[in-house]
């Protein structure tokens, strides 16, 4: 009997330890593995380990919005275009998250800018298990559902007449590409845009860079100052047309095409524009007296933090749009400063840092949409997909 009692006590002890251990594991940490169907979705861990391009359903907790490969924001969401899922609602390690692309038909219901209350909620999605922001992801999504709230019918995406148009198809030919193949595909998509005259640029900038809090004003790129739309010109404190890709880098001047491309033309203070001149972009220098937060020296210009990413994405656009075909210049990014009149702009490593440091915001998205819909008929791909910069350069 003593032997039996000892065995019983040992088994009982093991059971007690097991029950205690299980009691310390939260439900979010005990997600059952599924087979990828809508009724038995993959866990986030399964989605992370099965990035094979197959279409599967995935379930997890909303933990934020990805803005770059290794950055997920948890507040002040810039738009409704993406979210991150994890096994636990408190997860902060991006390596344990899967990034979800949100198509326009679902943004009003599942985008975090419009629905910040989704943070910490469990949802289920269906899409292609493939990299997004150069990170394990789910793209080309076709179904979303809020698991705890019942959500929406996965076979009938919600529509809203106020949703922005879907631009996923615009980039179809670039899907799945990287490096020079991606750069070529994007060039072919955005090439041959409708061009403006240099005088037409004045009116266009009054529209693209309008101050949303004061429709009579524009926002100046480097200073951030809101200024009357009618104070354009060449006088002190007027605003003029800044070529972010300095027009002497390739010596294209103000000719139709690169010289009038709205995707890199911005209103700036005349004096500040003169100080920036044709400098390449890099960190460091002396702070500009009229535009605090901007720094410059003999060979480079550093814009204020709020537009560092904007500047980088404009430079990326120019290097992809102008590739030397159809009699146009071949503009390229390099990792130098002091590029002078050569058709190069730097500094690549710093621009890539700025692209990640300053995520795309609502003002950039609005501007991209206006240029596409009202003026040039082409988009800046690096506003729609900032992760493509790292995939090319």
Protein backbone atom coordinates (compact mmCIF):
# COMPACT_ATOMS: atom_id res chain seq x y z
CA UNK A 1 0.00 0.00 0.00
CA UNK A 2 2.87 2.32 0.76
CA UNK A 3 4.21 1.85 -2.77
CA UNK A 4 0.80 2.53 -4.27
CA UNK A 5 0.38 5.61 -2.11
CA UNK A 6 3.75 6.92 -3.19
CA UNK A 7 2.85 6.43 -6.86
CA UNK A 8 -0.50 8.08 -6.33
CA UNK A 9 1.08 11.03 -4.58
CA UNK A 10 3.65 11.41 -7.38
CA UNK A 11 1.00 11.36 -10.11
CA UNK A 12 -1.20 13.73 -8.13
CA UNK A 13 1.73 16.13 -7.67
CA UNK A 14 2.46 16.15 -11.40
CA UNK A 15 -1.19 16.89 -12.16
CA UNK A 16 -1.22 19.77 -9.66
CA UNK A 17 1.94 21.30 -11.20
CA UNK A 18 0.48 20.95 -14.70
CA UNK A 19 -2.78 22.63 -13.67
CA UNK A 20 -0.92 25.50 -12.02
CA UNK A 21 1.24 25.98 -15.12
CA UNK A 22 -1.80 26.01 -17.39
CA UNK A 23 -3.52 28.48 -15.12
CA UNK A 24 -0.64 30.89 -15.62
CA UNK A 25 -0.95 30.86 -19.41
CA UNK A 26 -3.39 33.39 -20.81
CA UNK A 27 -5.90 32.39 -23.49
CA UNK A 28 -3.99 34.51 -26.00
CA UNK A 29 -0.90 32.39 -25.40
CA UNK A 30 -2.75 29.11 -25.97
CA UNK A 31 -4.07 29.73 -29.47
CA UNK A 32 -4.85 26.42 -31.09
CA UNK A 33 -3.14 25.74 -34.39
CA UNK A 34 -5.50 25.76 -37.37
CA UNK A 35 -5.41 24.58 -40.94
CA UNK A 36 -5.73 28.01 -42.54
CA UNK A 37 -9.44 27.84 -43.37
CA UNK A 38 -11.97 30.46 -42.29
CA UNK A 39 -13.42 28.09 -39.67
CA UNK A 40 -9.97 26.95 -38.49
CA UNK A 41 -7.60 29.88 -39.10
CA UNK A 42 -3.84 29.89 -38.72
CA UNK A 43 -2.36 31.38 -35.58
CA UNK A 44 0.01 34.31 -36.01
CA UNK A 45 2.94 31.97 -35.36
CA UNK A 46 1.74 29.72 -38.18
CA UNK A 47 1.41 32.71 -40.51
CA UNK A 48 4.96 33.80 -39.65
CA UNK A 49 6.39 30.38 -40.50
CA UNK A 50 4.37 29.82 -43.69
CA UNK A 51 5.21 32.84 -45.87
CA UNK A 52 4.80 30.87 -49.08
CA UNK A 53 2.32 33.03 -50.99
CA UNK A 54 -0.61 30.72 -50.30
CA UNK A 55 -4.04 32.15 -49.44
CA UNK A 56 -4.96 31.39 -45.83
CA UNK A 57 -7.06 32.76 -42.97
CA UNK A 58 -5.20 34.09 -39.91
CA UNK A 59 -6.45 35.10 -36.46
CA UNK A 60 -4.73 37.32 -33.91
CA UNK A 61 -4.87 40.41 -31.74
CA UNK A 62 -4.52 43.92 -33.18
CA UNK A 63 -1.36 45.44 -31.69
CA UNK A 64 -0.71 48.49 -33.88
CA UNK A 65 0.01 49.84 -37.36
CA UNK A 66 3.26 48.99 -39.16
CA UNK A 67 5.03 52.00 -40.66
CA UNK A 68 8.27 50.26 -41.65
CA UNK A 69 9.94 46.85 -41.45
CA UNK A 70 10.69 47.14 -37.73
CA UNK A 71 8.36 49.91 -36.56
CA UNK A 72 4.76 49.54 -35.36
CA UNK A 73 2.95 52.55 -33.90
CA UNK A 74 0.30 52.13 -31.20
CA UNK A 75 -1.27 55.62 -31.32
CA UNK A 76 -1.57 58.64 -33.63
CA UNK A 77 -2.14 56.28 -36.55
CA UNK A 78 -1.15 57.95 -39.85
CA UNK A 79 -3.77 56.24 -42.03
CA UNK A 80 -6.04 53.19 -42.43
CA UNK A 81 -3.80 51.17 -44.75
CA UNK A 82 -2.28 48.48 -42.49
CA UNK A 83 -2.35 46.80 -39.08
CA UNK A 84 -0.25 44.29 -37.13
CA UNK A 85 -1.50 41.09 -35.48
CA UNK A 86 0.13 39.09 -32.68
CA UNK A 87 -0.67 36.12 -30.45
CA UNK A 88 -0.97 38.41 -27.42
CA UNK A 89 -2.66 41.84 -27.22
CA UNK A 90 0.34 43.10 -25.24
CA UNK A 91 3.01 41.96 -27.72
CA UNK A 92 5.62 44.63 -28.53
CA UNK A 93 8.24 42.59 -30.40
CA UNK A 94 7.74 43.15 -34.13
CA UNK A 95 9.42 39.80 -34.86
CA UNK A 96 6.35 38.15 -33.33
CA UNK A 97 3.86 40.15 -35.43
CA UNK A 98 2.38 39.63 -38.87
CA UNK A 99 1.64 42.76 -40.93
CA UNK A 100 -1.77 42.98 -42.62
CA UNK A 101 -2.49 45.00 -45.78
CA UNK A 102 -5.96 46.59 -45.65
CA UNK A 103 -7.66 47.19 -49.04
CA UNK A 104 -9.84 50.26 -49.48
CA UNK A 105 -13.10 48.31 -49.06
CA UNK A 106 -12.20 47.46 -45.45
CA UNK A 107 -10.40 50.61 -44.30
CA UNK A 108 -13.47 52.35 -42.89
CA UNK A 109 -14.18 49.36 -40.60
CA UNK A 110 -10.71 48.00 -39.83
CA UNK A 111 -8.23 50.86 -40.36
CA UNK A 112 -6.75 52.06 -37.07
CA UNK A 113 -6.92 55.76 -37.83
CA UNK A 114 -10.70 55.44 -38.20
CA UNK A 115 -11.05 52.68 -35.56
CA UNK A 116 -8.42 53.12 -32.81
CA UNK A 117 -10.68 51.08 -30.50
CA UNK A 118 -9.66 47.96 -32.41
CA UNK A 119 -6.38 47.95 -30.49
CA UNK A 120 -6.27 44.79 -28.40
CA UNK A 121 -9.24 43.20 -30.19
CA UNK A 122 -9.04 39.82 -31.90
CA UNK A 123 -9.77 39.72 -35.63
CA UNK A 124 -9.60 37.21 -38.45
CA UNK A 125 -8.38 37.93 -41.98
CA UNK A 126 -7.92 36.04 -45.23
CA UNK A 127 -5.16 36.84 -47.72
CA UNK A 128 -1.87 35.85 -49.29
CA UNK A 129 0.90 34.94 -46.84
CA UNK A 130 3.66 37.10 -48.29
CA UNK A 131 5.99 39.88 -47.16
CA UNK A 132 4.55 43.32 -46.47
CA UNK A 133 6.89 46.20 -45.53
CA UNK A 134 9.68 43.62 -46.11
CA UNK A 135 8.28 41.74 -43.10
CA UNK A 136 6.15 38.59 -42.80
CA UNK A 137 2.66 39.65 -43.80
CA UNK A 138 -0.75 39.00 -45.27
CA UNK A 139 -1.45 40.87 -48.54
CA UNK A 140 -4.26 41.01 -51.10
CA UNK A 141 -6.70 40.51 -48.24
CA UNK A 142 -10.26 39.51 -49.17
CA UNK A 143 -12.01 39.04 -45.80
CA UNK A 144 -11.95 40.62 -42.34
CA UNK A 145 -13.97 39.80 -39.25
CA UNK A 146 -13.98 40.99 -35.66
CA UNK A 147 -14.00 37.66 -33.83
CA UNK A 148 -15.49 38.85 -30.55
CA UNK A 149 -17.99 41.28 -32.02
CA UNK A 150 -19.33 39.18 -34.86
CA UNK A 151 -17.78 41.46 -37.47
CA UNK A 152 -18.84 41.40 -41.08
CA UNK A 153 -19.77 38.74 -43.57
CA UNK A 154 -16.41 37.55 -44.93
CA UNK A 155 -17.89 36.95 -48.37
CA UNK A 156 -19.34 40.45 -48.65
CA UNK A 157 -16.77 43.21 -48.04
CA UNK A 158 -18.20 46.42 -46.59
CA UNK A 159 -18.32 49.34 -48.93
CA UNK A 160 -18.52 53.00 -48.18
CA UNK A 161 -19.01 55.63 -50.88
CA UNK A 162 -16.60 57.90 -49.01
CA UNK A 163 -13.76 55.33 -49.08
CA UNK A 164 -10.77 56.39 -51.19
CA UNK A 165 -10.47 54.58 -54.50
CA UNK A 166 -8.55 51.32 -54.45
CA UNK A 167 -5.07 51.58 -55.95
CA UNK A 168 -3.99 47.98 -55.36
CA UNK A 169 -4.49 47.14 -59.03
CA UNK A 170 -2.35 50.13 -60.05
CA UNK A 171 0.71 48.22 -58.80
CA UNK A 172 -0.24 44.73 -59.98
CA UNK A 173 2.78 44.40 -62.29
CA UNK A 174 5.16 45.24 -59.41
CA UNK A 175 3.89 42.58 -57.03
CA UNK A 176 6.43 39.97 -55.98
CA UNK A 177 9.43 41.87 -57.38
CA UNK A 178 12.50 43.23 -55.61
CA UNK A 179 15.67 45.12 -56.51
CA UNK A 180 16.15 46.34 -60.07
CA UNK A 181 13.13 44.32 -61.27
CA UNK A 182 10.87 46.22 -58.85
CA UNK A 183 12.45 49.56 -59.84
CA UNK A 184 11.82 48.84 -63.53
CA UNK A 185 8.25 47.71 -62.92
CA UNK A 186 7.46 50.86 -60.93
CA UNK A 187 9.06 53.05 -63.59
CA UNK A 188 6.84 51.52 -66.25
CA UNK A 189 3.77 52.13 -64.07
CA UNK A 190 4.44 55.82 -63.33
CA UNK A 191 6.15 56.76 -66.63
CA UNK A 192 4.68 59.05 -69.32
CA UNK A 193 2.65 61.20 -66.93
CA UNK A 194 0.73 64.29 -68.00
CA UNK A 195 3.07 67.28 -67.72
CA UNK A 196 2.37 70.85 -66.63
CA UNK A 197 3.95 74.10 -67.69
CA UNK A 198 6.08 75.82 -65.06
CA UNK A 199 3.54 78.65 -64.75
CA UNK A 200 0.77 76.09 -64.10
CA UNK A 201 2.72 74.80 -61.12
CA UNK A 202 1.75 77.87 -59.05
CA UNK A 203 -1.94 77.01 -59.13
CA UNK A 204 -1.32 73.31 -58.60
CA UNK A 205 0.73 73.94 -55.45
CA UNK A 206 -2.06 76.08 -54.03
CA UNK A 207 -4.16 72.94 -54.23
CA UNK A 208 -1.72 70.15 -53.32
CA UNK A 209 -0.18 71.99 -50.36
CA UNK A 210 -3.25 73.74 -49.02
CA UNK A 211 -3.42 74.23 -45.26
CA UNK A 212 -6.35 72.02 -44.20
CA UNK A 213 -6.99 74.31 -41.24
CA UNK A 214 -7.01 77.45 -43.42
CA UNK A 215 -7.94 76.93 -47.08
CA UNK A 216 -6.62 80.40 -47.94
CA UNK A 217 -3.07 79.31 -47.10
CA UNK A 218 -0.40 76.84 -48.13
CA UNK A 219 2.05 75.06 -45.81
CA UNK A 220 5.70 75.80 -46.61
CA UNK A 221 7.83 72.66 -46.74
CA UNK A 222 10.91 73.50 -44.69
CA UNK A 223 9.65 76.16 -42.29
CA UNK A 224 6.21 74.59 -41.78
CA UNK A 225 4.74 78.09 -41.88
CA UNK A 226 1.15 78.58 -43.05
CA UNK A 227 1.11 81.44 -45.53
CA UNK A 228 -1.38 83.07 -47.87
CA UNK A 229 -1.71 81.37 -51.24
CA UNK A 230 -1.43 84.75 -52.95
CA UNK A 231 1.97 85.70 -51.49
CA UNK A 232 3.94 83.73 -54.07
CA UNK A 233 6.77 85.44 -55.91
CA UNK A 234 10.39 86.41 -55.50
CA UNK A 235 10.33 88.91 -52.65
CA UNK A 236 11.51 88.44 -49.08
CA UNK A 237 8.99 86.27 -47.17
CA UNK A 238 7.21 85.31 -50.40
CA UNK A 239 6.94 81.64 -51.22
CA UNK A 240 8.27 80.07 -54.40
CA UNK A 241 8.59 76.69 -56.12
CA UNK A 242 11.23 74.46 -54.54
CA UNK A 243 12.67 71.60 -56.57
CA UNK A 244 13.35 69.00 -53.86
CA UNK A 245 15.48 67.10 -56.38
CA UNK A 246 17.68 70.14 -57.07
CA UNK A 247 17.15 71.08 -60.71
CA UNK A 248 20.90 71.55 -61.24
CA UNK A 249 21.42 67.85 -60.45
CA UNK A 250 21.00 66.83 -64.05
CA UNK A 251 20.59 70.44 -65.19
CA UNK A 252 16.95 70.04 -66.24
CA UNK A 253 15.92 73.51 -65.10
CA UNK A 254 12.21 74.25 -65.32
CA UNK A 255 11.51 72.28 -68.50
CA UNK A 256 8.28 70.30 -68.65
CA UNK A 257 8.87 66.87 -67.14
CA UNK A 258 11.35 66.75 -64.24
CA UNK A 259 11.35 70.54 -63.97
CA UNK A 260 7.58 70.70 -63.44
CA UNK A 261 6.87 67.34 -61.79
CA UNK A 262 4.56 68.05 -58.85
CA UNK A 263 5.71 64.99 -56.96
CA UNK A 264 8.90 66.86 -55.99
CA UNK A 265 7.85 70.53 -56.25
CA UNK A 266 6.82 72.20 -52.99
CA UNK A 267 6.13 75.75 -51.77
CA UNK A 268 8.98 77.15 -49.67
CA UNK A 269 10.04 80.49 -48.27
CA UNK A 270 12.18 82.36 -50.80
CA UNK A 271 15.06 82.94 -48.38
CA UNK A 272 15.01 79.37 -47.08
CA UNK A 273 14.89 78.02 -50.63
CA UNK A 274 17.94 80.12 -51.49
CA UNK A 275 19.82 78.72 -48.48
CA UNK A 276 18.99 75.15 -49.43
CA UNK A 277 20.17 75.94 -52.99
CA UNK A 278 21.24 72.68 -54.68
CA UNK A 279 22.59 70.95 -51.57
CA UNK A 280 22.34 67.20 -51.22
CA UNK A 281 20.56 65.79 -48.16
CA UNK A 282 22.43 64.65 -45.05
CA UNK A 283 22.38 65.11 -41.28
CA UNK A 284 24.14 67.97 -39.51
CA UNK A 285 25.21 71.56 -39.93
CA UNK A 286 24.05 74.86 -38.48
CA UNK A 287 20.40 75.53 -37.71
CA UNK A 288 18.69 77.87 -40.16
CA UNK A 289 17.59 81.11 -38.53
CA UNK A 290 14.30 81.45 -40.41
CA UNK A 291 13.45 77.72 -40.45
CA UNK A 292 14.26 76.22 -37.03
CA UNK A 293 14.77 72.46 -37.14
CA UNK A 294 16.51 72.64 -40.53
CA UNK A 295 20.31 72.38 -40.58
CA UNK A 296 22.82 73.02 -43.32
CA UNK A 297 26.51 73.37 -44.11
CA UNK A 298 28.63 73.65 -47.26
CA UNK A 299 27.53 70.38 -48.82
CA UNK A 300 24.19 69.26 -47.36
CA UNK A 301 20.75 70.17 -46.04
CA UNK A 302 18.83 68.46 -43.23
CA UNK A 303 15.07 69.24 -43.23
CA UNK A 304 12.97 69.38 -40.06
CA UNK A 305 11.94 66.04 -38.57
CA UNK A 306 8.30 66.38 -39.65
CA UNK A 307 9.18 66.23 -43.36
CA UNK A 308 12.32 64.10 -43.45
CA UNK A 309 10.34 61.13 -44.78
CA UNK A 310 8.49 63.34 -47.26
CA UNK A 311 11.79 64.53 -48.71
CA UNK A 312 13.19 61.00 -48.92
CA UNK A 313 10.11 59.66 -50.70
CA UNK A 314 10.19 62.52 -53.22
CA UNK A 315 13.81 61.74 -54.05
CA UNK A 316 13.01 58.03 -54.40
CA UNK A 317 10.18 58.89 -56.79
CA UNK A 318 12.43 60.96 -59.04
CA UNK A 319 15.05 58.19 -59.24
CA UNK A 320 12.39 55.74 -60.41
CA UNK A 321 10.34 58.02 -62.66
CA UNK A 322 13.33 59.29 -64.72
CA UNK A 323 15.31 56.33 -66.05
CA UNK A 324 16.80 57.67 -69.28
CA UNK A 325 14.20 56.36 -71.73
CA UNK A 326 12.12 58.41 -74.16
CA UNK A 327 14.85 61.04 -74.33
CA UNK A 328 14.58 61.83 -70.62
CA UNK A 329 17.36 62.10 -68.06
CA UNK A 330 18.48 59.12 -65.99
CA UNK A 331 18.33 60.38 -62.40
CA UNK A 332 19.90 58.15 -59.74
CA UNK A 333 20.48 58.16 -55.99
CA UNK A 334 23.99 57.70 -54.63
CA UNK A 335 25.58 57.81 -51.20
CA UNK A 336 27.49 61.04 -51.79
CA UNK A 337 27.13 64.76 -51.23
CA UNK A 338 28.58 67.48 -53.46
CA UNK A 339 27.01 65.89 -56.53
CA UNK A 340 27.03 69.23 -58.34
CA UNK A 341 25.46 69.16 -61.80
CA UNK A 342 25.68 65.37 -62.20
CA UNK A 343 22.27 63.65 -62.42
CA UNK A 344 22.68 62.18 -58.92
CA UNK A 345 21.28 62.99 -55.50
CA UNK A 346 22.37 61.87 -52.06
CA UNK A 347 22.75 60.76 -49.47
CA UNK A 348 21.11 57.38 -49.97
CA UNK A 349 21.82 55.86 -46.56
CA UNK A 350 20.43 58.91 -44.78
CA UNK A 351 17.35 59.10 -47.02
CA UNK A 352 16.55 55.47 -46.22
CA UNK A 353 16.82 56.29 -42.51
CA UNK A 354 14.50 59.29 -42.92
CA UNK A 355 11.96 57.16 -44.80
CA UNK A 356 11.71 54.91 -41.75
CA UNK A 357 12.02 57.65 -39.14
CA UNK A 358 9.17 59.81 -40.52
CA UNK A 359 6.25 57.60 -41.67
CA UNK A 360 3.76 58.59 -44.36
CA UNK A 361 1.09 60.92 -43.00
CA UNK A 362 -2.35 62.06 -44.09
CA UNK A 363 -0.98 65.20 -45.77
CA UNK A 364 1.28 63.14 -48.04
CA UNK A 365 -1.53 60.75 -48.92
CA UNK A 366 -3.87 63.62 -49.77
CA UNK A 367 -1.20 65.24 -51.92
CA UNK A 368 -0.47 62.00 -53.77
CA UNK A 369 -4.17 61.49 -54.48
CA UNK A 370 -4.63 65.04 -55.82
CA UNK A 371 -1.64 64.81 -58.16
CA UNK A 372 -2.85 61.45 -59.44
CA UNK A 373 -6.51 62.39 -59.88
CA UNK A 374 -6.32 66.05 -60.95
CA UNK A 375 -2.98 66.71 -62.61
CA UNK A 376 -0.45 64.08 -63.68
CA UNK A 377 -2.25 60.73 -63.63
CA UNK A 378 0.63 59.02 -61.82
CA UNK A 379 1.41 58.29 -58.18
CA UNK A 380 4.45 58.33 -55.92
CA UNK A 381 4.84 54.59 -55.16
CA UNK A 382 6.87 55.28 -52.02
CA UNK A 383 3.96 57.05 -50.37
CA UNK A 384 1.69 54.09 -51.09
CA UNK A 385 4.43 51.54 -50.26
CA UNK A 386 7.31 53.09 -48.29
CA UNK A 387 8.74 49.60 -47.74
CA UNK A 388 9.67 49.44 -51.42
CA UNK A 389 12.60 51.81 -50.87
CA UNK A 390 14.51 49.21 -48.87
CA UNK A 391 13.55 46.52 -51.40
CA UNK A 392 15.17 48.53 -54.20
CA UNK A 393 18.13 50.26 -52.53
